[in-house]
C-alpha cells in the first residue's frame, strides 16, 4: 500500500510517520521537500502533480493553517490551505479511488453549552480558522471520496512548541502565573491521534462502509488551568526548577487574555462513535500528558548536563 503523508513535520505528521510505517510505503511530502514530491498546500498545481506522480492508495493530510489569531487578518491564506487545497486533495483521491484521511477541529463548533459535541451537531464556528476548517470538511463530503475525517482538539506532543513546554518555561521563570479556567476540553496527544489513525485505516480498508466523520480526543476533560496545574505539579515532583508557588497559580477567565480570534468555551468531544466503530477505548487525558511531560523533562535534563 502506497501512502502519501502531508504535513509530516508537524506534531501529528511526525507521529504518523511511525504509526503508518507498518501499513505500507510512506512518502512524506513537505513544503520544503524535493521537486518530485511537493507537499506545499499553497501550491495546488505542484501538489496535484505529486499525487498523480505517486498514485497513492491513501492520502493522509496532517497539514493545516493553524495560526488561529493570524487567520483573522490572513483569511485568504488560511482558506487556501484549510479549504481550497483540501478540496483539491479530496477530488484527486476520488478520481484515483484512494482513501483520504484528514484532520479537523472542535473549532467548527461555537463552544456553547456544557455537553460534549457529537458528530451530527450543527457546526457554527466563531472564527476564521474554524470557518476554513469547516469548509474543508464540506469539500471532502462534496467530492464523494472515501474518507476518514477526524475532529480533534488541544493537540500536543513531546516535540516542538506547545502548552506543556510553555507552562514549564513560565513556571521556572515566574513566581505567579495566571491560566484560563473557563475553556473546557481534553488535551490529546499527537501519538494517540496517529495510532488511532493507523488502526482505523486498517479497518476501513476491510470495511469501507465505516468510513466518514469521527471525533477523536482523549477521555475526560479539564481546563487550561487544570492542564497547567497537572504539568507543573508533576514537574515539581520530578525536581524541575519550579518557582511558581502552588497558591500563586491562579485561575482566570478568558477575558483576562484578549485575542484577535474568539475561542470556544466548550471543546468537549464525544468519541463514542469512534470507539464503537473501531473497537477502541480512549485513554484518559492525564495518561498522555504525563507520558509527554516525562519525555520532555528527560530530554531537557539530558541537554542541560
Protein backbone atom coordinates (compact mmCIF):
# COMPACT_ATOMS: atom_id res chain seq x y z
CA UNK A 1 0.00 0.00 0.00
CA UNK A 2 1.36 3.41 -1.01
CA UNK A 3 0.67 6.22 1.45
CA UNK A 4 1.25 9.91 0.77
CA UNK A 5 1.68 11.85 4.02
CA UNK A 6 1.37 15.63 4.01
CA UNK A 7 2.44 17.79 6.95
CA UNK A 8 4.97 15.28 8.22
CA UNK A 9 6.95 17.97 10.07
CA UNK A 10 4.04 18.87 12.33
CA UNK A 11 3.15 17.28 15.66
CA UNK A 12 0.61 14.83 14.23
CA UNK A 13 2.50 14.32 11.00
CA UNK A 14 5.69 13.39 12.82
CA UNK A 15 3.84 10.78 14.89
CA UNK A 16 2.10 9.45 11.77
CA UNK A 17 5.42 8.56 10.16
CA UNK A 18 5.88 5.97 12.91
CA UNK A 19 2.28 4.73 13.10
CA UNK A 20 1.75 4.36 9.35
CA UNK A 21 5.09 2.73 8.57
CA UNK A 22 3.92 -0.87 9.22
CA UNK A 23 0.97 -0.42 6.84
CA UNK A 24 2.91 0.26 3.67
CA UNK A 25 5.36 2.53 1.88
CA UNK A 26 5.05 6.06 3.29
CA UNK A 27 6.13 9.06 1.23
CA UNK A 28 6.38 12.12 3.47
CA UNK A 29 5.97 15.25 1.37
CA UNK A 30 6.71 18.63 2.97
CA UNK A 31 6.60 22.26 1.91
CA UNK A 32 10.39 22.24 1.62
CA UNK A 33 10.65 18.75 0.15
CA UNK A 34 12.29 17.71 -3.10
CA UNK A 35 10.99 18.71 -6.53
CA UNK A 36 9.42 15.32 -7.22
CA UNK A 37 7.10 15.29 -4.21
CA UNK A 38 5.96 18.75 -3.18
CA UNK A 39 3.81 18.93 -0.05
CA UNK A 40 3.06 22.65 -0.19
CA UNK A 41 -0.71 23.12 0.03
CA UNK A 42 -0.29 26.73 -1.06
CA UNK A 43 0.86 25.43 -4.46
CA UNK A 44 -2.08 23.29 -5.63
CA UNK A 45 -0.68 22.65 -9.12
CA UNK A 46 2.53 21.16 -7.72
CA UNK A 47 0.54 19.22 -5.12
CA UNK A 48 -1.63 17.74 -7.86
CA UNK A 49 1.46 16.68 -9.79
CA UNK A 50 2.83 14.99 -6.65
CA UNK A 51 -0.37 13.00 -6.21
CA UNK A 52 -0.58 11.93 -9.83
CA UNK A 53 3.11 11.03 -9.95
CA UNK A 54 2.92 8.89 -6.84
CA UNK A 55 -0.60 7.49 -7.40
CA UNK A 56 -1.05 6.65 -3.70
CA UNK A 57 -3.63 4.28 -2.27
CA UNK A 58 -4.03 6.59 0.72
CA UNK A 59 -3.58 10.35 1.09
CA UNK A 60 -3.12 11.49 4.69
CA UNK A 61 -3.35 15.24 5.20
CA UNK A 62 -1.84 16.34 8.51
CA UNK A 63 -1.01 19.80 7.13
CA UNK A 64 -3.09 22.84 8.03
CA UNK A 65 -3.04 26.56 8.64
CA UNK A 66 -3.30 26.60 12.44
CA UNK A 67 -2.36 30.17 13.41
CA UNK A 68 -5.79 30.91 14.84
CA UNK A 69 -5.30 34.60 15.63
CA UNK A 70 -3.30 35.33 12.50
CA UNK A 71 -6.07 33.82 10.37
CA UNK A 72 -8.33 36.73 11.33
CA UNK A 73 -6.19 39.03 9.18
CA UNK A 74 -4.80 36.36 6.82
CA UNK A 75 -8.09 34.76 5.86
CA UNK A 76 -7.16 34.20 2.22
CA UNK A 77 -4.12 32.11 3.06
CA UNK A 78 -5.99 30.16 5.72
CA UNK A 79 -8.76 29.41 3.23
CA UNK A 80 -6.26 28.30 0.60
CA UNK A 81 -4.65 25.74 2.91
CA UNK A 82 -7.62 24.60 5.00
CA UNK A 83 -10.35 24.60 2.37
CA UNK A 84 -9.25 25.00 -1.25
CA UNK A 85 -6.26 22.66 -1.02
CA UNK A 86 -8.34 20.12 0.89
CA UNK A 87 -10.97 20.23 -1.84
CA UNK A 88 -8.28 19.51 -4.44
CA UNK A 89 -6.85 16.62 -2.41
CA UNK A 90 -10.28 15.08 -1.94
CA UNK A 91 -11.07 15.46 -5.62
CA UNK A 92 -7.82 13.75 -6.62
CA UNK A 93 -8.48 10.97 -4.09
CA UNK A 94 -11.89 10.42 -5.65
CA UNK A 95 -10.51 10.32 -9.19
CA UNK A 96 -7.92 7.66 -8.36
CA UNK A 97 -10.05 5.71 -5.90
CA UNK A 98 -7.73 6.46 -2.98
CA UNK A 99 -8.65 6.84 0.67
CA UNK A 100 -8.36 10.36 2.04
CA UNK A 101 -7.59 10.91 5.74
CA UNK A 102 -7.95 14.43 7.09
CA UNK A 103 -7.90 16.20 10.46
CA UNK A 104 -10.35 18.85 11.55
CA UNK A 105 -11.10 20.59 14.82
CA UNK A 106 -13.57 21.31 17.60
CA UNK A 107 -13.38 24.93 16.41
CA UNK A 108 -16.10 24.12 13.87
CA UNK A 109 -18.47 24.47 16.85
CA UNK A 110 -19.37 27.66 18.73
CA UNK A 111 -18.34 26.30 22.13
CA UNK A 112 -21.73 26.78 23.73
CA UNK A 113 -23.24 24.61 26.46
CA UNK A 114 -21.53 22.01 28.59
CA UNK A 115 -22.31 18.76 26.79
CA UNK A 116 -19.69 17.06 24.59
CA UNK A 117 -20.19 17.71 20.89
CA UNK A 118 -21.45 14.87 18.70
CA UNK A 119 -20.63 14.46 15.01
CA UNK A 120 -24.20 15.29 13.99
CA UNK A 121 -24.35 18.56 15.97
CA UNK A 122 -24.70 21.62 13.75
CA UNK A 123 -21.38 23.47 13.30
CA UNK A 124 -21.22 27.20 13.94
CA UNK A 125 -17.62 28.46 14.01
CA UNK A 126 -16.60 31.53 15.99
CA UNK A 127 -13.54 32.49 13.97
CA UNK A 128 -11.93 32.40 10.53
CA UNK A 129 -9.86 29.33 11.35
CA UNK A 130 -12.99 27.39 12.32
CA UNK A 131 -14.82 28.52 9.19
CA UNK A 132 -12.00 27.41 6.90
CA UNK A 133 -11.72 24.02 8.60
CA UNK A 134 -15.46 23.52 8.25
CA UNK A 135 -15.24 24.44 4.55
CA UNK A 136 -12.57 21.75 4.21
CA UNK A 137 -14.84 19.16 5.83
CA UNK A 138 -17.67 20.06 3.46
CA UNK A 139 -15.39 19.90 0.43
CA UNK A 140 -14.46 16.33 1.35
CA UNK A 141 -18.12 15.33 1.51
CA UNK A 142 -18.87 17.07 -1.78
CA UNK A 143 -16.04 15.23 -3.52
CA UNK A 144 -17.56 11.80 -2.89
CA UNK A 145 -14.16 10.33 -1.99
CA UNK A 146 -13.71 7.54 0.51
CA UNK A 147 -12.51 9.29 3.62
CA UNK A 148 -11.84 9.40 7.33
CA UNK A 149 -12.13 12.87 8.84
CA UNK A 150 -11.10 13.20 12.48
CA UNK A 151 -12.09 16.21 14.54
CA UNK A 152 -9.71 16.63 17.44
CA UNK A 153 -8.70 19.28 19.96
CA UNK A 154 -5.96 20.61 22.25
CA UNK A 155 -3.25 18.69 20.40
CA UNK A 156 0.22 18.37 21.89
CA UNK A 157 3.35 16.22 21.61
CA UNK A 158 6.77 15.98 23.19
CA UNK A 159 8.19 17.72 20.11
CA UNK A 160 8.09 21.38 19.19
CA UNK A 161 6.43 24.27 20.99
CA UNK A 162 3.23 23.50 22.85
CA UNK A 163 1.31 24.22 26.06
CA UNK A 164 3.35 21.79 28.16
CA UNK A 165 6.66 23.41 27.23
CA UNK A 166 5.19 26.89 27.72
CA UNK A 167 3.99 26.05 31.23
CA UNK A 168 7.36 24.51 32.14
CA UNK A 169 9.17 27.64 30.98
CA UNK A 170 6.82 30.08 32.70
CA UNK A 171 6.73 28.09 35.94
CA UNK A 172 10.53 28.18 36.04
CA UNK A 173 10.67 31.92 35.31
CA UNK A 174 7.82 33.36 37.36
CA UNK A 175 6.61 33.28 40.95
CA UNK A 176 2.98 33.92 39.93
CA UNK A 177 1.06 32.57 36.97
CA UNK A 178 -2.47 33.05 35.66
CA UNK A 179 -4.14 30.41 33.46
CA UNK A 180 -7.58 30.34 31.81
CA UNK A 181 -10.13 28.25 33.67
CA UNK A 182 -13.36 28.66 31.65
CA UNK A 183 -12.42 26.78 28.48
CA UNK A 184 -13.06 23.04 28.73
CA UNK A 185 -11.60 20.20 26.67
CA UNK A 186 -9.30 17.20 26.66
CA UNK A 187 -5.58 17.51 25.86
CA UNK A 188 -4.96 14.98 23.10
CA UNK A 189 -1.54 13.61 22.23
CA UNK A 190 -0.33 13.51 18.64
CA UNK A 191 0.82 9.93 19.22
CA UNK A 192 -2.71 8.91 20.22
CA UNK A 193 -4.13 10.55 17.11
CA UNK A 194 -1.56 8.80 14.93
CA UNK A 195 -2.13 5.38 16.49
CA UNK A 196 -5.91 5.67 16.17
CA UNK A 197 -5.48 6.76 12.55
CA UNK A 198 -3.42 3.67 11.69
CA UNK A 199 -5.87 1.38 13.50
CA UNK A 200 -8.86 2.95 11.74
CA UNK A 201 -7.19 2.86 8.34
CA UNK A 202 -6.57 -0.89 8.63
CA UNK A 203 -10.24 -1.41 9.40
CA UNK A 204 -11.75 0.82 6.70
CA UNK A 205 -9.63 -0.92 4.08
CA UNK A 206 -11.55 -4.08 5.00
CA UNK A 207 -14.85 -2.35 5.82
CA UNK A 208 -15.23 0.76 3.63
CA UNK A 209 -18.74 1.44 4.94
CA UNK A 210 -17.39 2.59 8.31
CA UNK A 211 -15.53 5.50 6.77
CA UNK A 212 -16.71 9.03 7.49
CA UNK A 213 -16.51 11.71 10.16
CA UNK A 214 -15.39 10.92 13.72
CA UNK A 215 -14.45 12.79 16.87
CA UNK A 216 -11.03 11.83 18.24
CA UNK A 217 -9.88 13.08 21.63
CA UNK A 218 -8.56 11.69 24.88
CA UNK A 219 -11.09 10.72 27.54
CA UNK A 220 -12.14 13.02 30.34
CA UNK A 221 -11.99 16.78 30.48
CA UNK A 222 -10.17 19.66 32.12
CA UNK A 223 -9.49 23.36 31.65
CA UNK A 224 -6.27 25.07 30.67
CA UNK A 225 -5.81 25.79 34.37
CA UNK A 226 -6.31 22.13 35.28
CA UNK A 227 -3.94 21.15 32.50
CA UNK A 228 -1.30 23.61 33.72
CA UNK A 229 -1.72 22.51 37.33
CA UNK A 230 -1.04 18.88 36.43
CA UNK A 231 2.02 19.73 34.34
CA UNK A 232 3.54 21.99 36.98
CA UNK A 233 2.90 19.66 39.91
CA UNK A 234 4.30 16.66 38.04
CA UNK A 235 7.33 18.75 37.08
CA UNK A 236 7.78 19.83 40.69
CA UNK A 237 7.73 16.17 41.77
CA UNK A 238 10.40 15.43 39.16
CA UNK A 239 12.65 18.15 40.65
CA UNK A 240 12.17 20.52 37.73
CA UNK A 241 13.08 24.07 38.84
CA UNK A 242 9.57 25.40 39.56
CA UNK A 243 9.45 28.93 41.02
CA UNK A 244 5.69 29.48 40.98
CA UNK A 245 4.11 28.77 44.36
CA UNK A 246 1.06 26.50 44.48
CA UNK A 247 -1.02 29.37 45.88
CA UNK A 248 0.13 31.67 43.08
CA UNK A 249 -1.11 29.53 40.19
CA UNK A 250 -4.33 31.46 39.64
CA UNK A 251 -7.40 30.53 37.56
CA UNK A 252 -8.78 33.39 35.44
CA UNK A 253 -11.46 33.88 32.80
CA UNK A 254 -10.86 34.06 29.05
CA UNK A 255 -11.39 37.83 29.23
CA UNK A 256 -8.08 38.15 31.09
CA UNK A 257 -6.21 37.33 27.87
CA UNK A 258 -7.89 39.09 24.91
CA UNK A 259 -7.14 37.56 21.50
CA UNK A 260 -8.00 38.50 17.92
CA UNK A 261 -9.92 35.27 17.40
CA UNK A 262 -12.70 34.19 19.72
CA UNK A 263 -12.11 30.80 21.36
CA UNK A 264 -14.82 28.24 22.19
CA UNK A 265 -15.52 27.67 25.88
CA UNK A 266 -16.73 24.11 25.28
CA UNK A 267 -14.28 21.96 23.32
CA UNK A 268 -15.54 18.67 24.72
CA UNK A 269 -15.88 15.99 22.01
CA UNK A 270 -17.98 12.85 22.32
CA UNK A 271 -15.90 9.98 20.90
CA UNK A 272 -18.41 7.15 21.41
CA UNK A 273 -19.00 6.76 17.68
CA UNK A 274 -15.27 6.27 17.10
CA UNK A 275 -14.96 3.82 19.97
CA UNK A 276 -17.92 1.73 18.82
CA UNK A 277 -16.98 1.69 15.13
CA UNK A 278 -13.35 0.70 15.67
CA UNK A 279 -13.46 -1.21 18.96
CA UNK A 280 -11.46 1.38 20.89
CA UNK A 281 -11.37 2.87 24.36
CA UNK A 282 -9.86 6.32 24.51
CA UNK A 283 -7.34 6.68 27.36
CA UNK A 284 -7.66 9.46 29.97
CA UNK A 285 -6.02 12.74 29.01
CA UNK A 286 -3.82 12.63 32.12
CA UNK A 287 -2.07 9.48 30.89
CA UNK A 288 -0.87 11.03 27.66
CA UNK A 289 0.13 14.32 29.26
CA UNK A 290 2.18 12.55 31.94
CA UNK A 291 3.98 10.49 29.30
CA UNK A 292 4.78 13.50 27.11
CA UNK A 293 5.87 15.52 30.13
CA UNK A 294 8.25 12.76 31.25
CA UNK A 295 9.74 12.64 27.76
CA UNK A 296 10.18 16.41 27.64
CA UNK A 297 11.76 16.57 31.10
CA UNK A 298 14.14 13.72 30.32
CA UNK A 299 15.23 15.47 27.12
CA UNK A 300 15.67 18.85 28.85
CA UNK A 301 17.66 17.35 31.68
CA UNK A 302 19.98 15.50 29.28
CA UNK A 303 20.71 18.63 27.30
CA UNK A 304 21.36 20.69 30.44
CA UNK A 305 24.03 18.29 31.77
